[in-house]
Amino acid sequence: MDVILQNLMNGFQVAFEPINLFWVTLGGILGTIIGMLPGLGPATGVAVLLPMTYAMGPTGALITMCGVYYGAMFGGSRSSILINTPGDGAAIAATFDGYPMAMNGRAEAALAISAIASFIGGMIATVFMIFLATPVARFALKFGPAEYFLLMLMAIAMTSSMNKGNVIKGFLSMFLGLMIAMVGLDPQSGVNRFTFGSLELQSGIDFLTVIIAIYALGEVFKCFKDIREGTKKMQTKFGKIWITREDWRRTWKPILRSTPLGFLIGALPGAGGTMAALMAYNNEKNLSKNPEDFGKGEIIGLAAPEAANNASSVGALIPMLSLGIPGSGTTAVMMGALLMLGLQPGPMLFQNHPDIAWGLIASMVVGNVILAIVNIPMAGALVRVLAIPPKILYPIILGLAFIGTYAISNSVIDFYIMIVFGIVGFFMEKAKIPSAPFILAIIVGNMMEISYRQALVISDGSMGIFVGSPIAITLLALTIGSVIMPIIKSMKKSRQGSSISMK
């Protein structure tokens, strides 16, 4: 303990150097802006910074890239709340209740609680990282292909069962997403699947394109009639960007519950903020006494995933720093930058370069404070976006959607894919088919297939590998429970309703 505290104090000396304070502030602000722009996200932001890292040195480069990473987690929810367009995958859950809150005249509270939850999630996760980096990294190493497959299966099963009004529609959405995930080259044999002779589809359909289509274009299509007739009502008067005591009373426990969940999922290589946010949302919906309020502007439904996705960004750094294994796409780019700078992430990093490792951890505490200070005053300007007339606002959303889509792969074919999925999103909304299972299935579908095949190769085709470890059995039990519990609850409610009507 004394050694850890001594290292942390030395880390703060590094973090408080004027140049490093400048780098963490610059990275956080750039990350916030990048996170707000549809289709970009933290990985793109870090990649754009790569040429600058040569002039920074390893410490400055790592601090700046991490600032961009968790800054993007702060910023991604801004566009989700204001224009129903997630900045990246981790901000999807913020659209579920954040945008309805804005439409209900509570944009100020939505922006405030997203910043507060992100700040608390990031700070607590950083404390976890200080004391738990090595144990969590060791636990993450216990996950083989079978455990990863079951983890992702549990995530999509839990997300699909969120639609308590009609669980069947939730699973229909999941199966549609898995079908889309199969488009492209077979990861094992290289055979074309569902490409219809198109070379552009061989690399598959990028999930960011689908996200932008479902949420941005879907919202524009849904509101087209109101836009044309000028009947779409939006908030035009804004007050103080803060929350009430009642909001805080209702959200502090969900924030504290969701932070460890996000941290642990982030520490699992490949899991990511999207899975963390959606699982946190689903968890709070299952625990709620009024689950029917979720999706209609429930502040808990915004606070929980925001805390989880920020905590996951901290957790994702653990396998990279402790084991030399990237925990996410963004940390993979960061690791590449560090290798180019002659720094080898891994078990020896904390021994050979303690000033860099602990300087980074200390800078994350400083960076989260800076981001909270920056984001809440900035929210006062951002919230004015809702005062823009719909006839102007929605063409801007369309423009951002097309720019973001083109930025993903520089391919015009993605425009057509986006339009198709925008129409799909519109009809899913009309049919009340939830979009979250669809999106998550597309994101994890390919990884699920690869993990499933790897597990069967290891076991010579035996399905016993999926119950071959305590972790696998636990994940399988949680998956089955997440499917059965909503059905049991709905049966109990129907029985209670029938008994009341008989009386």
Protein backbone atom coordinates (compact mmCIF):
# COMPACT_ATOMS: atom_id res chain seq x y z
CA MET A 1 0.00 0.00 0.00
CA ASP A 2 2.79 2.43 0.97
CA VAL A 3 4.60 1.68 -2.29
CA ILE A 4 1.44 2.36 -4.32
CA LEU A 5 0.82 5.69 -2.56
CA GLN A 6 4.46 6.71 -3.02
CA ASN A 7 4.30 5.88 -6.73
CA LEU A 8 1.03 7.80 -7.02
CA MET A 9 2.55 10.90 -5.39
CA ASN A 10 5.45 10.70 -7.86
CA GLY A 11 2.88 10.35 -10.63
CA PHE A 12 1.13 13.55 -9.55
CA GLN A 13 4.46 15.38 -9.73
CA VAL A 14 4.68 14.30 -13.36
CA ALA A 15 1.00 15.11 -14.08
CA PHE A 16 1.24 18.62 -12.59
CA GLU A 17 4.17 19.63 -14.78
CA PRO A 18 2.89 22.59 -16.85
CA ILE A 19 3.48 20.88 -20.21
CA ASN A 20 1.63 17.75 -19.10
CA LEU A 21 -1.28 19.81 -17.73
CA PHE A 22 -1.47 21.43 -21.16
CA TRP A 23 -1.44 18.05 -22.93
CA VAL A 24 -4.19 16.53 -20.77
CA THR A 25 -6.37 19.64 -21.21
CA LEU A 26 -5.79 19.69 -24.97
CA GLY A 27 -6.49 15.95 -25.26
CA GLY A 28 -9.68 16.20 -23.19
CA ILE A 29 -11.10 19.13 -25.18
CA LEU A 30 -10.21 17.53 -28.53
CA GLY A 31 -11.73 14.27 -27.35
CA THR A 32 -14.97 15.99 -26.32
CA ILE A 33 -15.29 17.62 -29.74
CA ILE A 34 -14.37 14.44 -31.62
CA GLY A 35 -16.81 12.41 -29.50
CA MET A 36 -19.66 14.72 -30.54
CA LEU A 37 -19.07 14.21 -34.26
CA PRO A 38 -20.96 11.19 -35.65
CA GLY A 39 -18.77 8.40 -36.98
CA LEU A 40 -15.45 9.56 -35.56
CA GLY A 41 -15.01 8.38 -31.98
CA PRO A 42 -11.86 8.09 -29.84
CA ALA A 43 -9.96 5.65 -32.08
CA THR A 44 -10.11 8.12 -34.99
CA GLY A 45 -9.15 10.99 -32.70
CA VAL A 46 -6.10 9.14 -31.39
CA ALA A 47 -5.13 8.07 -34.92
CA VAL A 48 -5.25 11.69 -36.12
CA LEU A 49 -2.93 12.65 -33.24
CA LEU A 50 -0.27 10.08 -34.16
CA PRO A 51 1.95 12.47 -36.17
CA MET A 52 1.96 14.91 -33.22
CA THR A 53 3.16 12.29 -30.72
CA TYR A 54 6.71 12.34 -32.09
CA ALA A 55 7.19 15.85 -30.68
CA MET A 56 5.61 15.05 -27.30
CA GLY A 57 7.73 12.24 -25.96
CA PRO A 58 6.26 9.02 -24.46
CA THR A 59 4.76 10.62 -21.33
CA GLY A 60 3.11 13.54 -23.13
CA ALA A 61 1.91 11.31 -25.96
CA LEU A 62 0.29 8.79 -23.60
CA ILE A 63 -1.34 11.50 -21.47
CA THR A 64 -2.73 13.28 -24.54
CA MET A 65 -4.06 10.12 -26.19
CA CYS A 66 -5.75 9.03 -22.97
CA GLY A 67 -7.25 12.51 -22.64
CA VAL A 68 -8.74 12.13 -26.12
CA TYR A 69 -10.03 8.65 -25.18
CA TYR A 70 -12.01 9.52 -22.07
CA GLY A 71 -12.80 13.01 -23.42
CA ALA A 72 -14.63 11.33 -26.30
CA MET A 73 -16.65 9.35 -23.75
CA PHE A 74 -17.77 12.67 -22.24
CA GLY A 75 -18.54 14.18 -25.65
CA GLY A 76 -20.24 11.22 -27.34
CA SER A 77 -23.39 11.64 -25.28
CA ARG A 78 -23.80 15.31 -26.21
CA SER A 79 -25.00 14.61 -29.75
CA SER A 80 -26.97 11.59 -28.47
CA ILE A 81 -28.92 13.85 -26.10
CA LEU A 82 -29.36 16.85 -28.37
CA ILE A 83 -29.89 15.38 -31.85
CA ASN A 84 -30.35 11.63 -31.22
CA THR A 85 -27.11 10.86 -33.07
CA PRO A 86 -24.49 8.92 -31.08
CA GLY A 87 -20.93 10.14 -31.54
CA ASP A 88 -19.73 6.53 -31.31
CA GLY A 89 -20.94 3.09 -30.26
CA ALA A 90 -20.49 3.71 -26.53
CA ALA A 91 -22.94 6.63 -26.70
CA ILE A 92 -25.83 4.55 -28.10
CA ALA A 93 -27.43 4.03 -24.69
CA ALA A 94 -27.50 7.81 -24.13
CA THR A 95 -30.09 8.12 -26.93
CA PHE A 96 -32.59 5.85 -25.16
CA ASP A 97 -33.48 8.31 -22.39
CA GLY A 98 -31.19 11.30 -23.02
CA TYR A 99 -32.94 12.40 -26.21
CA PRO A 100 -36.46 11.91 -24.74
CA MET A 101 -35.34 14.02 -21.77
CA ALA A 102 -34.31 16.79 -24.17
CA MET A 103 -37.62 16.51 -26.02
CA ASN A 104 -39.45 16.68 -22.68
CA GLY A 105 -37.80 20.01 -21.86
CA ARG A 106 -35.08 18.58 -19.61
CA ALA A 107 -32.04 19.03 -21.85
CA GLU A 108 -30.18 20.89 -19.08
CA ALA A 109 -30.58 18.04 -16.61
CA ALA A 110 -29.66 15.46 -19.26
CA LEU A 111 -26.41 17.22 -20.16
CA ALA A 112 -25.58 17.83 -16.50
CA ILE A 113 -26.16 14.25 -15.32
CA SER A 114 -24.21 12.83 -18.27
CA ALA A 115 -21.18 14.96 -17.30
CA ILE A 116 -21.58 14.18 -13.58
CA ALA A 117 -21.98 10.43 -14.16
CA SER A 118 -19.02 10.39 -16.57
CA PHE A 119 -16.90 12.26 -14.02
CA ILE A 120 -17.83 9.96 -11.12
CA GLY A 121 -17.43 6.83 -13.27
CA GLY A 122 -14.02 7.95 -14.52
CA MET A 123 -12.75 8.96 -11.07
CA ILE A 124 -13.87 5.78 -9.29
CA ALA A 125 -12.51 3.64 -12.14
CA THR A 126 -9.16 5.43 -11.85
CA VAL A 127 -9.07 4.56 -8.13
CA PHE A 128 -9.87 0.94 -9.07
CA MET A 129 -7.04 1.06 -11.58
CA ILE A 130 -4.55 2.23 -8.93
CA PHE A 131 -5.24 -0.71 -6.63
CA LEU A 132 -6.67 -3.41 -8.91
CA ALA A 133 -4.71 -3.14 -12.16
CA THR A 134 -2.71 -6.32 -11.65
CA PRO A 135 -5.52 -8.55 -10.21
CA VAL A 136 -8.00 -7.46 -12.90
CA ALA A 137 -5.44 -8.06 -15.64
CA ARG A 138 -4.82 -11.56 -14.28
CA PHE A 139 -8.57 -12.25 -14.20
CA ALA A 140 -8.94 -11.03 -17.80
CA LEU A 141 -6.27 -13.55 -18.86
CA LYS A 142 -8.56 -16.38 -17.68
CA PHE A 143 -11.01 -15.60 -20.48
CA GLY A 144 -10.53 -18.00 -23.37
CA PRO A 145 -12.57 -18.16 -26.62
CA ALA A 146 -15.45 -20.02 -24.90
CA GLU A 147 -15.70 -17.40 -22.13
CA TYR A 148 -15.58 -14.54 -24.64
CA PHE A 149 -18.34 -16.15 -26.71
CA LEU A 150 -20.52 -16.59 -23.62
CA LEU A 151 -19.81 -13.04 -22.44
CA MET A 152 -20.98 -11.60 -25.76
CA LEU A 153 -23.93 -13.99 -25.86
CA MET A 154 -24.93 -12.80 -22.38
CA ALA A 155 -24.65 -9.16 -23.46
CA ILE A 156 -26.95 -9.52 -26.47
CA ALA A 157 -29.37 -11.79 -24.55
CA MET A 158 -29.67 -9.25 -21.73
CA THR A 159 -30.11 -6.40 -24.20
CA SER A 160 -32.74 -8.33 -26.18
CA SER A 161 -34.75 -9.12 -23.05
CA MET A 162 -34.90 -5.41 -22.14
CA ASN A 163 -38.01 -5.05 -24.32
CA LYS A 164 -40.32 -6.29 -21.59
CA GLY A 165 -43.44 -5.33 -23.52
CA ASN A 166 -42.54 -7.92 -26.15
CA VAL A 167 -39.42 -10.04 -25.60
CA ILE A 168 -39.98 -11.74 -28.97
CA LYS A 169 -39.41 -8.43 -30.77
CA GLY A 170 -36.18 -7.98 -28.81
CA PHE A 171 -34.86 -11.34 -29.99
CA LEU A 172 -36.10 -10.70 -33.54
CA SER A 173 -34.02 -7.52 -33.51
CA MET A 174 -31.02 -9.51 -32.26
CA PHE A 175 -31.32 -12.15 -35.01
CA LEU A 176 -31.59 -9.44 -37.69
CA GLY A 177 -28.39 -7.88 -36.33
CA LEU A 178 -26.56 -11.22 -36.36
CA MET A 179 -27.63 -11.73 -39.98
CA ILE A 180 -26.14 -8.34 -40.93
CA ALA A 181 -22.94 -9.21 -39.03
CA MET A 182 -22.47 -12.24 -41.31
CA VAL A 183 -22.19 -10.09 -44.46
CA GLY A 184 -18.66 -10.15 -45.91
CA LEU A 185 -15.80 -12.64 -46.07
CA ASP A 186 -16.01 -15.71 -43.85
CA PRO A 187 -13.33 -15.08 -41.15
CA GLN A 188 -12.10 -18.69 -41.35
CA SER A 189 -12.48 -19.82 -44.96
CA GLY A 190 -12.46 -16.48 -46.78
CA VAL A 191 -15.66 -17.38 -48.70
CA ASN A 192 -18.00 -14.53 -49.68
CA ARG A 193 -21.22 -14.41 -47.67
CA PHE A 194 -24.25 -12.36 -48.69
CA THR A 195 -22.14 -9.87 -50.70
CA PHE A 196 -24.21 -10.35 -53.90
CA GLY A 197 -21.08 -9.91 -56.01
CA SER A 198 -20.21 -6.52 -54.49
CA LEU A 199 -16.51 -6.02 -53.72
CA GLU A 200 -17.38 -3.21 -51.29
CA LEU A 201 -19.38 -5.60 -49.09
CA GLN A 202 -16.53 -8.09 -48.74
CA SER A 203 -15.20 -6.21 -45.72
CA GLY A 204 -18.65 -6.33 -44.12
CA ILE A 205 -20.99 -3.55 -43.05
CA ASP A 206 -19.40 -1.14 -40.58
CA PHE A 207 -21.45 -0.91 -37.40
CA LEU A 208 -20.82 2.85 -37.12
CA THR A 209 -22.56 3.34 -40.48
CA VAL A 210 -25.54 1.38 -39.15
CA ILE A 211 -25.56 3.35 -35.89
CA ILE A 212 -25.61 6.68 -37.73
CA ALA A 213 -28.32 5.41 -40.08
CA ILE A 214 -30.61 3.96 -37.41
CA TYR A 215 -30.44 6.95 -35.08
CA ALA A 216 -29.69 10.03 -37.21
CA LEU A 217 -31.54 9.18 -40.44
CA GLY A 218 -34.20 7.25 -38.56
CA GLU A 219 -34.96 10.35 -36.48
CA VAL A 220 -35.12 12.58 -39.57
CA PHE A 221 -37.44 10.15 -41.39
CA LYS A 222 -39.62 9.81 -38.29
CA CYS A 223 -39.98 13.58 -37.89
CA PHE A 224 -40.24 14.42 -41.62
CA LYS A 225 -43.97 15.15 -41.49
CA ASP A 226 -43.59 17.42 -38.47
CA ILE A 227 -40.62 19.18 -40.09
CA ARG A 228 -42.58 19.82 -43.30
CA GLU A 229 -45.62 21.11 -41.46
CA GLY A 230 -43.60 23.00 -38.87
CA THR A 231 -45.32 21.23 -35.98
CA LYS A 232 -42.24 19.69 -34.34
CA LYS A 233 -41.97 21.38 -30.94
CA MET A 234 -38.60 21.78 -29.31
CA GLN A 235 -37.31 23.39 -26.16
CA THR A 236 -36.40 27.03 -26.83
CA LYS A 237 -35.84 28.39 -23.32
CA PHE A 238 -33.03 27.01 -21.21
CA GLY A 239 -32.16 27.38 -17.58
CA LYS A 240 -29.18 26.45 -15.44
CA ILE A 241 -27.25 23.36 -16.56
CA TRP A 242 -27.63 21.30 -13.41
CA ILE A 243 -29.79 18.67 -11.74
CA THR A 244 -32.27 18.80 -8.87
CA ARG A 245 -31.79 17.13 -5.49
CA GLU A 246 -34.41 14.58 -6.48
CA ASP A 247 -32.43 13.75 -9.65
CA TRP A 248 -29.30 13.20 -7.58
CA ARG A 249 -31.18 11.12 -4.99
CA ARG A 250 -32.42 8.81 -7.76
CA THR A 251 -29.17 8.52 -9.74
CA TRP A 252 -26.29 8.22 -7.28
CA LYS A 253 -26.86 4.54 -6.54
CA PRO A 254 -27.20 3.53 -10.24
CA ILE A 255 -23.98 5.46 -10.97
CA LEU A 256 -22.13 3.60 -8.21
CA ARG A 257 -23.55 0.25 -9.37
CA SER A 258 -22.68 0.81 -13.02
CA THR A 259 -19.10 1.99 -12.53
CA PRO A 260 -17.58 -1.35 -11.40
CA LEU A 261 -19.51 -3.14 -14.15
CA GLY A 262 -18.13 -0.81 -16.82
CA PHE A 263 -14.61 -1.03 -15.38
CA LEU A 264 -14.60 -4.84 -15.42
CA ILE A 265 -16.05 -5.09 -18.95
CA GLY A 266 -13.54 -2.50 -20.18
CA ALA A 267 -10.69 -4.60 -18.77
CA LEU A 268 -11.77 -7.54 -20.97
CA PRO A 269 -9.98 -7.21 -24.34
CA GLY A 270 -12.47 -6.51 -27.13
CA ALA A 271 -15.56 -5.99 -24.95
CA GLY A 272 -15.64 -2.17 -25.12
CA GLY A 273 -17.78 0.73 -23.95
CA THR A 274 -20.81 -0.20 -26.05
CA MET A 275 -21.28 -3.49 -24.23
CA ALA A 276 -20.61 -1.82 -20.86
CA ALA A 277 -23.17 0.93 -21.47
CA LEU A 278 -25.90 -1.40 -22.72
CA MET A 279 -25.39 -3.90 -19.90
CA ALA A 280 -25.53 -1.09 -17.32
CA TYR A 281 -28.75 0.21 -18.90
CA ASN A 282 -30.29 -3.25 -18.91
CA ASN A 283 -29.22 -3.86 -15.32
CA GLU A 284 -30.88 -0.68 -14.06
CA LYS A 285 -34.03 -1.37 -16.06
CA ASN A 286 -34.29 -4.83 -14.51
CA LEU A 287 -33.79 -3.39 -11.02
CA SER A 288 -36.28 -0.56 -11.51
CA LYS A 289 -39.73 -0.64 -9.93
CA ASN A 290 -41.02 1.24 -12.99
CA PRO A 291 -39.21 -0.27 -16.01
CA GLU A 292 -41.90 1.12 -18.33
CA ASP A 293 -40.47 4.63 -17.73
CA PHE A 294 -37.21 3.69 -19.45
CA GLY A 295 -37.07 5.00 -23.01
CA LYS A 296 -39.38 7.90 -22.14
CA GLY A 297 -36.88 10.20 -20.44
CA GLU A 298 -35.87 8.27 -17.31
CA ILE A 299 -32.79 10.01 -15.89
CA ILE A 300 -31.45 6.74 -14.41
CA GLY A 301 -31.40 5.32 -17.96
CA LEU A 302 -28.94 8.07 -18.90
CA ALA A 303 -26.80 8.21 -15.75
CA ALA A 304 -26.03 4.48 -15.52
CA PRO A 305 -24.61 3.90 -19.03
CA GLU A 306 -22.67 7.18 -18.92
CA ALA A 307 -20.88 6.08 -15.75
CA ALA A 308 -20.28 2.61 -17.21
CA ASN A 309 -18.81 3.72 -20.55
CA ASN A 310 -16.42 6.19 -18.93
CA ALA A 311 -15.31 3.53 -16.44
CA SER A 312 -14.81 1.08 -19.31
CA SER A 313 -12.39 3.48 -21.03
CA VAL A 314 -10.23 3.41 -17.88
CA GLY A 315 -10.57 -0.36 -17.57
CA ALA A 316 -9.49 -0.84 -21.19
CA LEU A 317 -6.10 0.67 -20.35
CA ILE A 318 -5.30 -2.09 -17.84
CA PRO A 319 -4.59 -4.96 -20.27
CA MET A 320 -2.58 -2.60 -22.48
CA LEU A 321 -0.41 -1.21 -19.68
CA SER A 322 -0.12 -4.38 -17.56
CA LEU A 323 -0.06 -7.10 -20.22
CA GLY A 324 0.70 -5.40 -23.53
CA ILE A 325 -2.70 -6.53 -24.86
CA PRO A 326 -4.98 -3.80 -26.28
CA GLY A 327 -8.32 -3.71 -24.45
CA SER A 328 -10.15 -1.85 -27.24
CA GLY A 329 -9.68 -0.43 -30.75
CA THR A 330 -8.54 2.87 -29.26
CA THR A 331 -5.93 1.28 -26.99
CA ALA A 332 -4.69 -0.73 -29.98
CA VAL A 333 -3.93 2.56 -31.78
CA MET A 334 -2.34 3.93 -28.60
CA MET A 335 -0.17 0.84 -28.23
CA GLY A 336 1.03 1.24 -31.82
CA ALA A 337 2.00 4.83 -31.08
CA LEU A 338 3.92 3.82 -27.94
CA LEU A 339 5.81 1.09 -29.80
CA MET A 340 6.80 3.65 -32.46
CA LEU A 341 8.12 5.85 -29.63
CA GLY A 342 10.24 2.96 -28.37
CA LEU A 343 8.10 2.16 -25.31
CA GLN A 344 6.99 -1.45 -24.75
CA PRO A 345 3.70 -1.72 -22.82
CA GLY A 346 3.49 -4.81 -20.64
CA PRO A 347 4.40 -6.23 -17.24
CA MET A 348 7.78 -4.46 -17.12
CA LEU A 349 6.35 -1.00 -17.85
CA PHE A 350 5.63 -0.21 -14.18
CA GLN A 351 9.14 -1.37 -13.20
CA ASN A 352 11.21 0.16 -16.01
CA HIS A 353 9.20 3.36 -16.55
CA PRO A 354 7.27 4.10 -13.32
CA ASP A 355 7.27 7.84 -14.05
CA ILE A 356 5.35 7.24 -17.31
CA ALA A 357 2.94 4.63 -15.93
CA TRP A 358 2.07 6.45 -12.71
CA GLY A 359 2.20 9.85 -14.39
CA LEU A 360 -0.52 8.60 -16.73
CA ILE A 361 -2.69 7.31 -13.86
CA ALA A 362 -2.34 10.61 -11.96
CA SER A 363 -3.11 12.57 -15.15
CA MET A 364 -6.40 10.67 -15.45
CA VAL A 365 -7.51 12.05 -12.08
CA VAL A 366 -6.53 15.55 -13.20
CA GLY A 367 -8.07 15.05 -16.64
CA ASN A 368 -11.46 13.98 -15.30
CA VAL A 369 -11.62 17.09 -13.11
CA ILE A 370 -10.69 19.30 -16.09
CA LEU A 371 -13.29 17.60 -18.30
CA ALA A 372 -16.03 18.08 -15.70
CA ILE A 373 -15.13 21.77 -15.44
CA VAL A 374 -15.04 22.15 -19.23
CA ASN A 375 -18.10 20.09 -20.12
CA ILE A 376 -20.69 21.62 -17.79
CA PRO A 377 -20.04 25.27 -18.86
CA MET A 378 -19.82 24.13 -22.51
CA ALA A 379 -23.18 22.42 -22.11
CA GLY A 380 -24.76 25.84 -21.73
CA ALA A 381 -23.78 26.64 -25.31
CA LEU A 382 -24.47 23.16 -26.67
CA VAL A 383 -28.00 23.04 -25.30
CA ARG A 384 -28.89 25.99 -27.56
CA VAL A 385 -28.75 23.56 -30.45
CA LEU A 386 -32.33 22.62 -29.58
CA ALA A 387 -33.45 26.19 -30.21
CA ILE A 388 -32.54 25.86 -33.90
CA PRO A 389 -35.74 25.49 -36.00
CA PRO A 390 -36.30 21.89 -37.17
CA LYS A 391 -36.15 22.98 -40.84
CA ILE A 392 -32.53 24.01 -40.21
CA LEU A 393 -31.53 21.50 -37.53
CA TYR A 394 -32.46 18.29 -39.36
CA PRO A 395 -30.58 19.16 -42.59
CA ILE A 396 -27.56 19.82 -40.35
CA ILE A 397 -28.05 16.37 -38.79
CA LEU A 398 -28.23 14.85 -42.30
CA GLY A 399 -25.04 16.65 -43.29
CA LEU A 400 -23.21 15.43 -40.19
CA ALA A 401 -24.48 11.90 -40.83
CA PHE A 402 -23.14 11.84 -44.40
CA ILE A 403 -19.83 13.44 -43.39
CA GLY A 404 -19.41 10.99 -40.50
CA THR A 405 -20.26 8.02 -42.72
CA TYR A 406 -17.76 9.05 -45.39
CA ALA A 407 -15.08 9.61 -42.73
CA ILE A 408 -15.36 5.97 -41.62
CA SER A 409 -14.07 4.34 -44.81
CA ASN A 410 -14.00 7.05 -47.52
CA SER A 411 -16.46 4.96 -49.54
CA VAL A 412 -19.50 6.30 -51.40
CA ILE A 413 -21.16 2.87 -51.17
CA ASP A 414 -21.63 3.54 -47.46
CA PHE A 415 -24.05 6.35 -48.37
CA TYR A 416 -26.41 3.81 -49.94
CA ILE A 417 -25.97 1.45 -46.97
CA MET A 418 -26.77 4.30 -44.60
CA ILE A 419 -29.94 5.26 -46.49
CA VAL A 420 -31.13 1.63 -46.53
CA PHE A 421 -30.58 1.23 -42.80
CA GLY A 422 -32.14 4.62 -42.15
CA ILE A 423 -35.33 3.28 -43.73
CA VAL A 424 -34.94 0.04 -41.75
CA GLY A 425 -34.64 2.11 -38.56
CA PHE A 426 -37.78 4.05 -39.45
CA PHE A 427 -39.84 0.88 -39.91
CA MET A 428 -38.35 -0.70 -36.77
CA GLU A 429 -39.53 2.36 -34.86
CA LYS A 430 -43.00 2.07 -36.40
CA ALA A 431 -43.18 -1.65 -35.52
CA LYS A 432 -41.81 -0.92 -32.01
CA ILE A 433 -38.88 -3.29 -32.58
CA PRO A 434 -36.02 -2.19 -30.28
CA SER A 435 -32.86 -1.07 -32.04
CA ALA A 436 -30.36 -1.78 -29.21
CA PRO A 437 -30.21 -5.59 -29.72
CA PHE A 438 -29.89 -5.03 -33.48
CA ILE A 439 -26.92 -2.68 -33.07
CA LEU A 440 -25.15 -4.74 -30.41
CA ALA A 441 -25.56 -7.94 -32.43
CA ILE A 442 -23.92 -6.26 -35.44
CA ILE A 443 -21.04 -5.04 -33.25
CA VAL A 444 -20.27 -8.34 -31.51
CA GLY A 445 -21.57 -10.80 -34.15
CA ASN A 446 -18.26 -11.24 -35.93
CA MET A 447 -16.30 -11.58 -32.68
CA MET A 448 -18.86 -14.09 -31.39
CA GLU A 449 -18.46 -16.24 -34.48
CA ILE A 450 -14.66 -16.19 -34.29
CA SER A 451 -14.65 -17.03 -30.56
CA TYR A 452 -17.21 -19.81 -31.08
CA ARG A 453 -15.12 -21.43 -33.83
CA GLN A 454 -11.89 -21.06 -31.88
CA ALA A 455 -13.51 -22.73 -28.86
CA LEU A 456 -14.70 -25.69 -30.96
CA VAL A 457 -11.26 -26.07 -32.57
CA ILE A 458 -9.63 -26.16 -29.11
CA SER A 459 -12.13 -28.76 -27.86
CA ASP A 460 -12.09 -30.87 -31.06
CA GLY A 461 -15.76 -30.05 -31.65
CA SER A 462 -16.96 -30.77 -28.12
CA MET A 463 -19.66 -28.42 -26.80
CA GLY A 464 -18.51 -29.28 -23.28
CA ILE A 465 -15.98 -26.44 -23.48
CA PHE A 466 -18.85 -23.99 -22.93
CA VAL A 467 -19.37 -25.43 -19.43
CA GLY A 468 -15.72 -26.28 -18.88
CA SER A 469 -14.81 -23.54 -16.40
CA PRO A 470 -16.48 -21.73 -13.47
CA ILE A 471 -16.45 -18.48 -15.48
CA ALA A 472 -18.18 -20.16 -18.44
CA ILE A 473 -20.83 -21.76 -16.19
CA THR A 474 -21.49 -18.44 -14.46
CA LEU A 475 -21.86 -16.58 -17.77
CA LEU A 476 -24.16 -19.28 -19.15
CA ALA A 477 -26.32 -19.16 -16.02
CA LEU A 478 -26.57 -15.35 -16.24
CA THR A 479 -27.53 -15.62 -19.92
CA ILE A 480 -30.32 -18.11 -19.21
CA GLY A 481 -31.48 -16.04 -16.23
CA SER A 482 -31.62 -12.84 -18.30
CA VAL A 483 -33.97 -14.56 -20.74
CA ILE A 484 -36.17 -16.33 -18.18
CA MET A 485 -36.54 -13.55 -15.58
CA PRO A 486 -38.53 -11.10 -17.79
CA ILE A 487 -40.88 -13.93 -18.77
CA ILE A 488 -41.44 -14.88 -15.11
CA LYS A 489 -42.02 -11.24 -14.14
CA SER A 490 -44.54 -10.71 -16.94
CA MET A 491 -46.38 -13.91 -15.93
CA LYS A 492 -46.56 -12.71 -12.31
CA LYS A 493 -47.89 -9.32 -13.41
CA SER A 494 -50.55 -10.90 -15.60
CA ARG A 495 -51.64 -13.18 -12.72
CA GLN A 496 -51.82 -10.22 -10.34
CA GLY A 497 -53.80 -8.27 -12.92
CA SER A 498 -56.27 -11.11 -13.45
CA SER A 499 -56.72 -11.63 -9.69
CA ILE A 500 -57.40 -7.90 -9.21
CA SER A 501 -59.95 -7.90 -12.06
CA MET A 502 -61.72 -10.92 -10.54
CA LYS A 503 -62.05 -9.12 -7.23
